[in-house]
Amino acid sequence: MLIVHVSDCYAPRTGGIESQVGDLAARQVAAGHEVHVLTATLGVGGERGGVVDREHGVHVHRLGARIPFDLPVNPVGPRLVREAYAALRPDVVHVHAGVLSPFAYDGARIALDLGLPTAITWHCMLDGVVGALRAAVGRTRWQQTPAALSAVSHAAAARVRQVFGTEVSVMPNGIDLDLWAPRTFSEGRGRPGEQGPLRLVSTMRLAPRKRAVPLVELVGQAARRLPPDRLRLSIIGSGPAQGRVSSTVAEQGLQHVVELRGRLTRPQVRSAYTDAEVFLAPAELEAFGIAALEARTAGLAIVARRGTGIEEFVEDGVDGLLVADDAEMTEAIVHLARDGRLLDGMLTHNRAVRPRFGWDDVLGAADAEYARARAAKSPTSSPAPH
């Protein structure tokens, strides 16, 4: 099968969509498919305007342009996408969308104009824009568009369903379960939080929506309720909010509690999880939570917000604790620091029970979406709305 993925963002940019599209494409190549990615993200050397890289067997078409702030957009992107479709003649087009994805939405519109089987997956929570998008859909023919619609979790799919009023499947993210499998914790550390510090970790892009600043503040509140040296937090990641996070650590007097480790490679992140017990996920609009899934697979207990995609793989009281707000997250941290038996039970469970979402499952879900896309397409389908 010749598969074309369309995504505004792709490597060398880092983030959830970028890593998932890249990993999915590479796995599909390994499964015997010919796979192309159309993206508005420039290459490492600034490759753009139609340059094709080959990465892990995937043909990456760099259709972006030099734009201030390195935004993944291109004013002539629609023409380049149409030309790429005409040259490749794909069996299916898989569009990966966020809240603001002009390149991806153009890719979907053009694919449907050309009558190509099209699957669209949302990697975001549409909270705050459902009403506006539903009104826009109602004014166009998108509600009757012959595409297979999906989202990365049931929580995200519910929002897409509110917009389109039609069937929306779940097309989850995936990870290498063997790569992230639990390793032996360091010896001689005692029971976390009772005979030594409770080691917390959070991996995220340091951007406002991921809420690293509130995370530092709520961990500070927890630390002040516990004896000295009872908590340690490592924050892994970089991004535009890095300066604000660093200043918050200083303002809160938490230099002895919070360590900012910057951006790490996957092996380095994996190693960091060996020296932690609890993963914190403070984001309110987490469509899936791939970093949390990696930590859960590595055997860590997860503390996350309710109503997010993390509920796909974390059961409250079993894999971790689900909370309603920052105050409850503070309470959860204090509780785990004081109740070693509760934490031990979660760690034992998470090290013994492997979660779902290995790549075999995800590839099967993708194939099902492509079958839906082919079934939705008909020779008499109306052109997609402009």
Protein backbone atom coordinates (compact mmCIF):
# COMPACT_ATOMS: atom_id res chain seq x y z
CA MET A 1 0.00 0.00 0.00
CA LEU A 2 1.23 3.52 -0.74
CA ILE A 3 0.45 5.65 2.32
CA VAL A 4 0.83 9.42 2.48
CA HIS A 5 0.85 11.10 5.89
CA VAL A 6 0.19 14.85 6.10
CA SER A 7 1.36 16.80 9.13
CA ASP A 8 2.22 20.45 9.76
CA CYS A 9 4.95 19.39 12.18
CA TYR A 10 7.57 16.69 11.82
CA ALA A 11 11.16 16.00 12.86
CA PRO A 12 13.49 17.76 13.49
CA ARG A 13 10.79 19.55 15.52
CA THR A 14 10.00 17.69 18.73
CA GLY A 15 6.59 16.96 20.20
CA GLY A 16 3.83 14.40 20.37
CA ILE A 17 2.55 14.61 16.78
CA GLU A 18 6.07 14.74 15.37
CA SER A 19 7.25 11.61 17.18
CA GLN A 20 4.05 9.66 16.60
CA VAL A 21 3.83 10.37 12.86
CA GLY A 22 7.51 9.53 12.44
CA ASP A 23 7.28 6.30 14.42
CA LEU A 24 4.04 5.21 12.71
CA ALA A 25 5.50 5.88 9.26
CA ALA A 26 8.70 3.95 10.05
CA ARG A 27 6.72 0.99 11.42
CA GLN A 28 4.57 0.94 8.30
CA VAL A 29 7.70 0.84 6.14
CA ALA A 30 8.94 -2.10 8.20
CA ALA A 31 5.58 -3.79 7.56
CA GLY A 32 6.17 -3.56 3.81
CA HIS A 33 4.31 -0.39 2.81
CA GLU A 34 5.65 2.52 0.77
CA VAL A 35 5.26 5.56 2.99
CA HIS A 36 5.57 9.28 2.27
CA VAL A 37 5.19 12.22 4.66
CA LEU A 38 4.16 15.67 3.44
CA THR A 39 5.12 18.32 5.99
CA ALA A 40 5.57 22.07 6.29
CA THR A 41 8.51 21.58 8.67
CA LEU A 42 11.92 22.37 7.22
CA GLY A 43 14.73 19.81 7.33
CA VAL A 44 17.79 19.96 9.58
CA GLY A 45 19.65 21.93 6.93
CA GLY A 46 16.66 24.11 6.06
CA GLU A 47 15.44 21.81 3.26
CA ARG A 48 12.15 23.13 1.88
CA GLY A 49 10.02 23.77 -1.19
CA GLY A 50 9.66 20.13 -2.20
CA VAL A 51 13.01 18.61 -1.20
CA VAL A 52 12.56 14.91 -0.36
CA ASP A 53 14.56 13.36 2.49
CA ARG A 54 14.65 9.63 3.16
CA GLU A 55 14.57 8.86 6.86
CA HIS A 56 14.21 5.31 8.21
CA GLY A 57 12.85 4.28 4.82
CA VAL A 58 10.22 7.05 4.86
CA HIS A 59 10.11 9.60 2.02
CA VAL A 60 9.78 12.99 3.76
CA HIS A 61 8.62 15.79 1.44
CA ARG A 62 9.69 19.14 2.89
CA LEU A 63 7.01 21.49 1.55
CA GLY A 64 7.56 24.36 3.97
CA ALA A 65 9.00 27.83 3.43
CA ARG A 66 11.26 30.15 5.41
CA ILE A 67 8.79 31.94 7.69
CA PRO A 68 9.54 34.11 10.75
CA PHE A 69 9.75 32.11 14.01
CA ASP A 70 10.13 28.89 11.93
CA LEU A 71 6.37 28.41 11.74
CA PRO A 72 5.42 25.24 9.78
CA VAL A 73 3.39 27.01 7.09
CA ASN A 74 3.83 27.83 3.41
CA PRO A 75 1.67 30.23 1.36
CA VAL A 76 2.10 27.99 -1.70
CA GLY A 77 1.72 24.79 0.30
CA PRO A 78 -1.65 23.82 -1.26
CA ARG A 79 -0.14 23.83 -4.76
CA LEU A 80 2.79 21.69 -3.63
CA VAL A 81 0.48 19.24 -1.85
CA ARG A 82 -1.72 18.90 -4.93
CA GLU A 83 1.34 18.25 -7.10
CA ALA A 84 2.62 15.64 -4.64
CA TYR A 85 -0.71 13.80 -4.63
CA ALA A 86 -0.79 13.81 -8.43
CA ALA A 87 2.73 12.39 -8.64
CA LEU A 88 2.35 9.78 -5.89
CA ARG A 89 -1.25 8.60 -6.49
CA PRO A 90 -1.59 7.29 -2.90
CA ASP A 91 -3.83 4.43 -1.88
CA VAL A 92 -4.73 6.39 1.27
CA VAL A 93 -3.99 9.80 2.77
CA HIS A 94 -3.66 10.00 6.57
CA VAL A 95 -3.98 13.57 7.84
CA HIS A 96 -2.76 14.41 11.36
CA ALA A 97 -4.52 17.45 12.80
CA GLY A 98 -4.25 19.73 15.81
CA VAL A 99 -6.34 22.72 16.79
CA LEU A 100 -4.35 24.96 14.45
CA SER A 101 -3.14 22.87 11.51
CA PRO A 102 -3.48 24.90 8.30
CA PHE A 103 -1.18 22.63 6.30
CA ALA A 104 -2.97 19.47 7.46
CA TYR A 105 -6.42 20.91 6.77
CA ASP A 106 -5.32 21.93 3.27
CA GLY A 107 -4.00 18.40 2.82
CA ALA A 108 -7.37 16.94 3.82
CA ARG A 109 -9.34 19.32 1.60
CA ILE A 110 -7.20 18.65 -1.45
CA ALA A 111 -7.18 14.87 -0.93
CA LEU A 112 -10.97 14.87 -0.79
CA ASP A 113 -11.17 17.17 -3.83
CA LEU A 114 -9.18 14.55 -5.73
CA GLY A 115 -11.35 11.68 -4.48
CA LEU A 116 -8.52 10.05 -2.50
CA PRO A 117 -9.41 7.77 0.45
CA THR A 118 -8.74 10.01 3.44
CA ALA A 119 -8.35 9.35 7.17
CA ILE A 120 -8.11 12.31 9.56
CA THR A 121 -6.79 11.87 13.11
CA TRP A 122 -6.97 14.63 15.72
CA HIS A 123 -4.05 14.67 18.16
CA CYS A 124 -5.56 17.40 20.33
CA MET A 125 -8.40 18.32 22.66
CA LEU A 126 -10.84 20.73 20.98
CA ASP A 127 -12.00 22.27 24.26
CA GLY A 128 -12.84 25.93 23.75
CA VAL A 129 -13.32 25.68 19.99
CA VAL A 130 -16.06 23.04 19.67
CA GLY A 131 -18.83 25.61 19.22
CA ALA A 132 -16.99 27.62 16.58
CA LEU A 133 -15.95 24.52 14.66
CA ARG A 134 -19.46 23.03 14.82
CA ALA A 135 -20.87 26.27 13.37
CA ALA A 136 -18.26 26.24 10.60
CA VAL A 137 -19.04 22.61 9.78
CA GLY A 138 -22.74 23.44 9.67
CA ARG A 139 -22.13 26.18 7.10
CA THR A 140 -20.16 23.87 4.80
CA ARG A 141 -20.40 20.33 3.45
CA TRP A 142 -17.79 18.94 5.86
CA GLN A 143 -20.47 17.05 7.78
CA GLN A 144 -21.02 14.88 4.71
CA THR A 145 -17.34 14.60 3.84
CA PRO A 146 -16.41 11.00 2.90
CA ALA A 147 -13.48 10.68 5.32
CA ALA A 148 -12.71 8.36 8.22
CA LEU A 149 -12.51 10.55 11.33
CA SER A 150 -10.60 9.53 14.45
CA ALA A 151 -8.82 10.91 17.50
CA VAL A 152 -6.06 9.59 19.73
CA SER A 153 -8.27 8.88 22.76
CA HIS A 154 -11.91 8.57 23.76
CA ALA A 155 -11.71 11.97 25.46
CA ALA A 156 -10.42 13.65 22.31
CA ALA A 157 -12.86 11.71 20.10
CA ALA A 158 -15.82 12.96 22.13
CA ARG A 159 -14.96 16.56 21.19
CA VAL A 160 -14.54 15.72 17.50
CA ARG A 161 -17.89 13.92 17.59
CA GLN A 162 -19.51 17.07 19.00
CA VAL A 163 -18.14 19.04 16.04
CA PHE A 164 -19.10 16.68 13.23
CA GLY A 165 -22.02 14.74 14.68
CA THR A 166 -20.78 11.55 13.09
CA GLU A 167 -18.80 8.40 13.92
CA VAL A 168 -15.34 9.11 15.31
CA SER A 169 -13.00 6.18 16.00
CA VAL A 170 -10.06 6.01 18.38
CA MET A 171 -6.68 5.78 16.66
CA PRO A 172 -4.29 5.68 19.65
CA ASN A 173 -0.66 6.60 19.89
CA GLY A 174 1.84 3.79 20.30
CA ILE A 175 5.16 3.02 21.93
CA ASP A 176 7.77 0.29 21.91
CA LEU A 177 6.68 -1.65 25.00
CA ASP A 178 9.94 -3.62 25.14
CA LEU A 179 12.06 -0.46 24.97
CA TRP A 180 10.23 1.11 27.93
CA ALA A 181 9.84 -2.09 29.99
CA PRO A 182 10.71 -1.76 33.70
CA ARG A 183 14.31 -2.03 34.80
CA THR A 184 15.67 -2.76 38.27
CA PHE A 185 15.41 0.21 40.59
CA SER A 186 18.56 1.40 42.34
CA GLU A 187 19.50 -0.72 45.33
CA GLY A 188 19.44 0.47 48.91
CA ARG A 189 17.03 3.36 48.49
CA GLY A 190 14.49 2.23 51.04
CA ARG A 191 10.78 2.86 50.79
CA PRO A 192 10.23 6.09 48.79
CA GLY A 193 9.11 9.00 50.94
CA GLU A 194 9.61 7.11 54.21
CA GLN A 195 13.31 6.18 54.28
CA GLY A 196 14.34 8.45 51.44
CA PRO A 197 12.96 11.15 49.15
CA LEU A 198 9.98 10.48 46.91
CA ARG A 199 11.39 10.96 43.43
CA LEU A 200 9.01 12.70 41.03
CA VAL A 201 9.56 13.23 37.32
CA SER A 202 7.73 15.03 34.54
CA THR A 203 8.63 15.03 30.86
CA MET A 204 7.08 17.70 28.65
CA ARG A 205 7.64 20.49 26.19
CA LEU A 206 8.05 23.59 28.32
CA ALA A 207 5.12 25.47 26.81
CA PRO A 208 2.26 27.19 28.69
CA ARG A 209 -0.36 24.58 27.77
CA LYS A 210 1.73 21.81 29.38
CA ARG A 211 1.66 23.81 32.65
CA ALA A 212 5.20 23.39 33.93
CA VAL A 213 4.99 26.58 36.02
CA PRO A 214 1.87 25.43 37.93
CA LEU A 215 3.61 22.07 38.36
CA VAL A 216 6.56 23.70 40.12
CA GLU A 217 4.18 25.70 42.31
CA LEU A 218 2.06 22.72 43.40
CA VAL A 219 5.13 20.59 44.10
CA GLY A 220 6.43 23.47 46.21
CA GLN A 221 3.20 23.43 48.20
CA ALA A 222 3.58 19.69 48.76
CA ALA A 223 7.21 20.05 49.81
CA ARG A 224 6.31 22.65 52.44
CA ARG A 225 3.85 20.19 54.01
CA LEU A 226 6.46 17.44 54.34
CA PRO A 227 9.70 17.09 56.28
CA PRO A 228 12.80 18.52 54.59
CA ASP A 229 14.34 16.51 51.76
CA ARG A 230 11.24 14.35 51.35
CA LEU A 231 10.57 15.32 47.69
CA ARG A 232 12.69 15.56 44.55
CA LEU A 233 11.31 16.62 41.15
CA SER A 234 13.11 16.27 37.82
CA ILE A 235 11.58 18.18 34.89
CA ILE A 236 12.75 16.90 31.52
CA GLY A 237 12.22 19.03 28.44
CA SER A 238 12.81 22.42 26.88
CA GLY A 239 10.70 25.08 25.23
CA PRO A 240 9.59 28.71 25.26
CA ALA A 241 8.53 28.67 28.93
CA GLN A 242 11.92 27.45 30.13
CA GLY A 243 12.97 30.85 31.51
CA ARG A 244 9.71 31.29 33.39
CA VAL A 245 9.99 27.80 34.88
CA SER A 246 13.54 28.48 36.04
CA SER A 247 12.57 31.80 37.63
CA THR A 248 9.60 30.14 39.39
CA VAL A 249 11.94 27.57 40.93
CA ALA A 250 14.09 30.42 42.27
CA GLU A 251 11.13 32.50 43.45
CA GLN A 252 9.71 29.51 45.33
CA GLY A 253 13.08 28.68 46.90
CA LEU A 254 12.93 25.17 45.41
CA GLN A 255 16.46 24.85 44.04
CA HIS A 256 17.04 21.92 46.42
CA VAL A 257 13.80 20.21 45.30
CA VAL A 258 13.45 20.84 41.54
CA GLU A 259 16.04 19.92 38.92
CA LEU A 260 15.60 21.20 35.35
CA ARG A 261 17.31 18.64 33.14
CA GLY A 262 16.56 20.14 29.74
CA ARG A 263 15.91 18.12 26.63
CA LEU A 264 17.10 14.50 26.81
CA THR A 265 17.28 11.70 24.27
CA ARG A 266 14.90 8.76 24.57
CA PRO A 267 17.60 6.52 26.13
CA GLN A 268 18.40 9.28 28.63
CA VAL A 269 14.73 9.68 29.52
CA ARG A 270 14.45 5.92 29.92
CA SER A 271 17.42 5.96 32.28
CA ALA A 272 15.94 8.84 34.27
CA TYR A 273 12.79 6.81 34.90
CA THR A 274 14.88 4.14 36.59
CA ASP A 275 15.61 6.69 39.33
CA ALA A 276 12.00 7.80 39.87
CA GLU A 277 8.79 6.46 41.38
CA VAL A 278 6.06 8.90 40.32
CA PHE A 279 5.34 10.66 37.01
CA LEU A 280 3.37 13.91 37.18
CA ALA A 281 1.16 15.03 34.27
CA PRO A 282 -0.34 18.45 35.08
CA ALA A 283 -1.75 19.34 31.63
CA GLU A 284 -5.49 19.92 31.51
CA LEU A 285 -5.86 19.35 27.75
CA GLU A 286 -3.81 16.19 27.24
CA ALA A 287 -5.31 14.35 24.26
CA PHE A 288 -3.31 11.16 24.90
CA GLY A 289 -0.19 11.63 27.03
CA ILE A 290 2.57 9.68 25.30
CA ALA A 291 5.17 10.68 27.92
CA ALA A 292 2.87 9.43 30.68
CA LEU A 293 2.35 6.14 28.83
CA GLU A 294 6.13 5.69 28.51
CA ALA A 295 6.52 6.32 32.23
CA ARG A 296 3.64 3.96 33.06
CA THR A 297 5.22 1.25 30.88
CA ALA A 298 8.52 1.81 32.70
CA GLY A 299 6.75 0.97 35.96
CA LEU A 300 6.19 4.42 37.46
CA ALA A 301 2.98 5.44 39.25
CA ILE A 302 1.15 8.20 37.38
CA VAL A 303 -0.57 11.26 38.84
CA ALA A 304 -2.61 13.01 36.16
CA ARG A 305 -5.70 15.11 35.51
CA ARG A 306 -9.11 13.51 35.07
CA GLY A 307 -10.87 13.91 31.74
CA THR A 308 -7.70 13.60 29.67
CA GLY A 309 -6.45 10.89 27.33
CA ILE A 310 -4.28 9.53 30.14
CA GLU A 311 -7.40 7.79 31.44
CA GLU A 312 -6.93 5.39 28.51
CA PHE A 313 -4.17 3.63 30.46
CA VAL A 314 -4.34 4.84 34.08
CA GLU A 315 -7.02 3.55 36.44
CA ASP A 316 -7.38 5.63 39.58
CA GLY A 317 -5.97 3.84 42.60
CA VAL A 318 -4.41 1.08 40.50
CA ASP A 319 -1.88 2.56 38.04
CA GLY A 320 -1.75 5.90 39.84
CA LEU A 321 -4.02 8.70 41.02
CA LEU A 322 -6.36 10.86 38.91
CA VAL A 323 -7.08 14.35 40.20
CA ALA A 324 -9.50 17.16 39.41
CA ASP A 325 -7.20 20.15 39.84
CA ASP A 326 -3.83 21.39 41.08
CA ALA A 327 -4.92 21.30 44.73
CA GLU A 328 -5.78 17.61 44.40
CA MET A 329 -2.46 16.95 42.68
CA THR A 330 -0.69 18.49 45.66
CA GLU A 331 -2.74 16.27 47.97
CA ALA A 332 -1.89 13.20 45.88
CA ILE A 333 1.84 13.91 46.12
CA VAL A 334 1.65 14.35 49.88
CA HIS A 335 -0.43 11.18 50.19
CA LEU A 336 2.08 9.11 48.21
CA ALA A 337 4.98 10.54 50.21
CA ARG A 338 3.31 9.54 53.46
CA ASP A 339 1.73 6.23 52.45
CA GLY A 340 4.53 3.97 51.30
CA ARG A 341 2.25 0.90 51.15
CA LEU A 342 -0.08 2.60 48.65
CA LEU A 343 2.83 3.62 46.46
CA ASP A 344 4.48 0.20 46.74
CA GLY A 345 1.25 -1.42 45.54
CA MET A 346 1.05 0.82 42.48
CA LEU A 347 4.70 0.30 41.61
CA THR A 348 4.38 -3.46 41.99
CA HIS A 349 1.29 -3.50 39.76
CA ASN A 350 2.81 -1.25 37.09
CA ARG A 351 6.01 -3.27 36.93
CA ALA A 352 4.06 -6.53 36.53
CA VAL A 353 1.19 -5.47 34.24
CA ARG A 354 2.08 -4.22 30.79
CA PRO A 355 -0.27 -1.57 29.36
CA ARG A 356 -1.79 -1.68 25.88
CA PHE A 357 -0.78 0.46 22.90
CA GLY A 358 2.14 -1.53 21.51
CA TRP A 359 2.81 -0.94 17.84
CA ASP A 360 1.07 -4.11 16.67
CA ASP A 361 -2.16 -2.74 18.16
CA VAL A 362 -1.63 0.70 16.64
CA LEU A 363 -0.80 -0.61 13.17
CA GLY A 364 -3.99 -2.67 13.29
CA ALA A 365 -5.99 0.43 14.27
CA ALA A 366 -4.43 2.36 11.38
CA ASP A 367 -5.32 -0.39 8.91
CA ALA A 368 -8.91 -0.30 10.19
CA GLU A 369 -9.06 3.45 9.62
CA TYR A 370 -7.71 3.07 6.09
CA ALA A 371 -10.38 0.47 5.37
CA ARG A 372 -13.00 2.91 6.66
CA ALA A 373 -11.54 5.64 4.45
CA ARG A 374 -11.75 3.43 1.36
CA ALA A 375 -15.33 2.45 2.23
CA ALA A 376 -16.33 6.09 2.82
CA LYS A 377 -15.03 7.17 -0.58
CA SER A 378 -17.44 6.70 -3.46
CA PRO A 379 -17.10 7.55 -7.17
CA THR A 380 -20.01 9.95 -6.88
CA SER A 381 -18.81 11.73 -3.76
CA SER A 382 -19.19 15.48 -3.89
CA PRO A 383 -15.99 17.53 -3.89
CA ALA A 384 -14.76 18.54 -0.48
CA PRO A 385 -15.79 21.99 0.75
CA HIS A 386 -13.47 24.93 0.18
